[in-house]
Amino acid sequence: MAAPDEVDLARAKVAVSSLLDGMKLSAHLYAVEPREGMWAVIVECATGSGWQRVELRAGPELLAAIDGDAEAQATLDAKWRAHLADCKYD
């Protein structure tokens, strides 16, 4: 991934927001930042016993997901759900 600019970062944040909203997490906070040629997505979510913090990674597929790439969306959704399994869902 080339060094992202502000437009890429804004698009990445929109993509993450859309993906996490689609997962129907009960309560969550997140941040997106470029790191080591990928996107670092830091998610804090409510669990049955409090909150947990998880750092997820995504490459170019994150921006592809916001552009409507259904395969990229499905791949990220499945990968991220595995890491967010302890989160509360609506």
C-alpha atoms as a PDB file:
ATOM      1  CA  MET A   1       0.000   0.000   0.000  1.00  0.00           C
ATOM      2  CA  ALA A   2       1.399   3.392  -0.946  1.00  0.00           C
ATOM      3  CA  ALA A   3       1.582   6.031   1.744  1.00  0.00           C
ATOM      4  CA  PRO A   4      -2.057   7.024   2.315  1.00  0.00           C
ATOM      5  CA  ASP A   5      -3.174  10.618   2.080  1.00  0.00           C
ATOM      6  CA  GLU A   6      -5.988  12.343   3.973  1.00  0.00           C
ATOM      7  CA  VAL A   7      -8.546  11.243   1.382  1.00  0.00           C
ATOM      8  CA  ASP A   8      -7.521   7.580   1.781  1.00  0.00           C
ATOM      9  CA  LEU A   9      -7.693   7.896   5.576  1.00  0.00           C
ATOM     10  CA  ALA A  10     -11.172   9.422   5.377  1.00  0.00           C
ATOM     11  CA  ARG A  11     -12.318   6.626   3.038  1.00  0.00           C
ATOM     12  CA  ALA A  12     -10.790   4.002   5.343  1.00  0.00           C
ATOM     13  CA  LYS A  13     -12.691   5.457   8.310  1.00  0.00           C
ATOM     14  CA  VAL A  14     -15.956   5.350   6.339  1.00  0.00           C
ATOM     15  CA  ALA A  15     -15.262   1.734   5.356  1.00  0.00           C
ATOM     16  CA  VAL A  16     -14.537   0.705   8.953  1.00  0.00           C
ATOM     17  CA  SER A  17     -17.628   2.494  10.216  1.00  0.00           C
ATOM     18  CA  SER A  18     -19.777   0.737   7.627  1.00  0.00           C
ATOM     19  CA  LEU A  19     -18.290  -2.687   8.334  1.00  0.00           C
ATOM     20  CA  LEU A  20     -18.613  -2.352  12.123  1.00  0.00           C
ATOM     21  CA  ASP A  21     -22.161  -0.961  11.880  1.00  0.00           C
ATOM     22  CA  GLY A  22     -23.061  -3.944   9.715  1.00  0.00           C
ATOM     23  CA  MET A  23     -21.823  -6.278  12.449  1.00  0.00           C
ATOM     24  CA  LYS A  24     -24.388  -4.794  14.880  1.00  0.00           C
ATOM     25  CA  LEU A  25     -21.986  -4.462  17.826  1.00  0.00           C
ATOM     26  CA  SER A  26     -23.873  -3.266  20.907  1.00  0.00           C
ATOM     27  CA  ALA A  27     -21.306  -0.616  21.822  1.00  0.00           C
ATOM     28  CA  HIS A  28     -17.953   0.166  20.274  1.00  0.00           C
ATOM     29  CA  LEU A  29     -15.337   2.807  19.616  1.00  0.00           C
ATOM     30  CA  TYR A  30     -12.720   2.611  16.901  1.00  0.00           C
ATOM     31  CA  ALA A  31      -9.732   4.348  15.374  1.00  0.00           C
ATOM     32  CA  VAL A  32      -8.074   3.853  12.005  1.00  0.00           C
ATOM     33  CA  GLU A  33      -4.448   4.644  11.259  1.00  0.00           C
ATOM     34  CA  PRO A  34      -1.910   3.717   8.603  1.00  0.00           C
ATOM     35  CA  ARG A  35       0.751   1.390   9.950  1.00  0.00           C
ATOM     36  CA  GLU A  36       3.483  -0.624   8.221  1.00  0.00           C
ATOM     37  CA  GLY A  37       1.870  -0.455   4.783  1.00  0.00           C
ATOM     38  CA  MET A  38      -1.539  -1.563   6.071  1.00  0.00           C
ATOM     39  CA  TRP A  39      -4.454  -0.123   8.004  1.00  0.00           C
ATOM     40  CA  ALA A  40      -4.508  -0.644  11.756  1.00  0.00           C
ATOM     41  CA  VAL A  41      -8.068  -0.681  13.076  1.00  0.00           C
ATOM     42  CA  ILE A  42      -8.260  -0.426  16.845  1.00  0.00           C
ATOM     43  CA  VAL A  43     -11.667  -1.466  18.177  1.00  0.00           C
ATOM     44  CA  GLU A  44     -12.875  -1.229  21.747  1.00  0.00           C
ATOM     45  CA  CYS A  45     -16.138  -3.035  22.316  1.00  0.00           C
ATOM     46  CA  ALA A  46     -18.455  -3.934  25.160  1.00  0.00           C
ATOM     47  CA  THR A  47     -18.255  -7.529  26.392  1.00  0.00           C
ATOM     48  CA  GLY A  48     -20.224  -9.416  29.005  1.00  0.00           C
ATOM     49  CA  SER A  49     -17.702  -8.422  31.660  1.00  0.00           C
ATOM     50  CA  GLY A  50     -16.593  -4.947  30.562  1.00  0.00           C
ATOM     51  CA  TRP A  51     -14.663  -3.795  27.509  1.00  0.00           C
ATOM     52  CA  GLN A  52     -11.986  -5.290  25.305  1.00  0.00           C
ATOM     53  CA  ARG A  53      -9.491  -3.719  22.929  1.00  0.00           C
ATOM     54  CA  VAL A  54      -8.607  -5.476  19.677  1.00  0.00           C
ATOM     55  CA  GLU A  55      -6.245  -4.370  16.930  1.00  0.00           C
ATOM     56  CA  LEU A  56      -7.252  -5.560  13.483  1.00  0.00           C
ATOM     57  CA  ARG A  57      -5.301  -5.205  10.231  1.00  0.00           C
ATOM     58  CA  ALA A  58      -6.479  -4.596   6.691  1.00  0.00           C
ATOM     59  CA  GLY A  59      -4.760  -3.916   3.406  1.00  0.00           C
ATOM     60  CA  PRO A  60      -6.090  -2.491   0.150  1.00  0.00           C
ATOM     61  CA  GLU A  61      -9.238  -4.592   0.548  1.00  0.00           C
ATOM     62  CA  LEU A  62     -10.478  -2.040   3.091  1.00  0.00           C
ATOM     63  CA  LEU A  63     -10.803   0.664   0.435  1.00  0.00           C
ATOM     64  CA  ALA A  64     -12.134  -1.897  -2.040  1.00  0.00           C
ATOM     65  CA  ALA A  65     -14.897  -2.718   0.458  1.00  0.00           C
ATOM     66  CA  ILE A  66     -16.090   0.883   0.532  1.00  0.00           C
ATOM     67  CA  ASP A  67     -16.055   0.900  -3.271  1.00  0.00           C
ATOM     68  CA  GLY A  68     -18.652  -1.893  -3.233  1.00  0.00           C
ATOM     69  CA  ASP A  69     -16.424  -4.969  -3.568  1.00  0.00           C
ATOM     70  CA  ALA A  70     -18.699  -7.587  -1.984  1.00  0.00           C
ATOM     71  CA  GLU A  71     -15.917 -10.176  -1.737  1.00  0.00           C
ATOM     72  CA  ALA A  72     -13.655  -7.741   0.135  1.00  0.00           C
ATOM     73  CA  GLN A  73     -16.524  -6.854   2.479  1.00  0.00           C
ATOM     74  CA  ALA A  74     -17.296 -10.515   3.185  1.00  0.00           C
ATOM     75  CA  THR A  75     -13.629 -11.367   3.774  1.00  0.00           C
ATOM     76  CA  LEU A  76     -13.114  -8.499   6.228  1.00  0.00           C
ATOM     77  CA  ASP A  77     -16.416  -9.213   7.969  1.00  0.00           C
ATOM     78  CA  ALA A  78     -15.524 -12.875   8.541  1.00  0.00           C
ATOM     79  CA  LYS A  79     -11.958 -12.133   9.653  1.00  0.00           C
ATOM     80  CA  TRP A  80     -12.963  -9.328  11.997  1.00  0.00           C
ATOM     81  CA  ARG A  81     -15.910 -11.218  13.532  1.00  0.00           C
ATOM     82  CA  ALA A  82     -13.495 -13.959  14.604  1.00  0.00           C
ATOM     83  CA  HIS A  83     -11.441 -11.378  16.525  1.00  0.00           C
ATOM     84  CA  LEU A  84     -14.516  -9.632  17.930  1.00  0.00           C
ATOM     85  CA  ALA A  85     -16.297 -12.803  19.059  1.00  0.00           C
ATOM     86  CA  ASP A  86     -16.344 -11.713  22.728  1.00  0.00           C
ATOM     87  CA  CYS A  87     -18.071  -8.418  21.916  1.00  0.00           C
ATOM     88  CA  LYS A  88     -21.744  -7.951  22.650  1.00  0.00           C
ATOM     89  CA  TYR A  89     -24.008  -7.847  19.616  1.00  0.00           C
ATOM     90  CA  ASP A  90     -27.504  -6.368  19.268  1.00  0.00           C
END
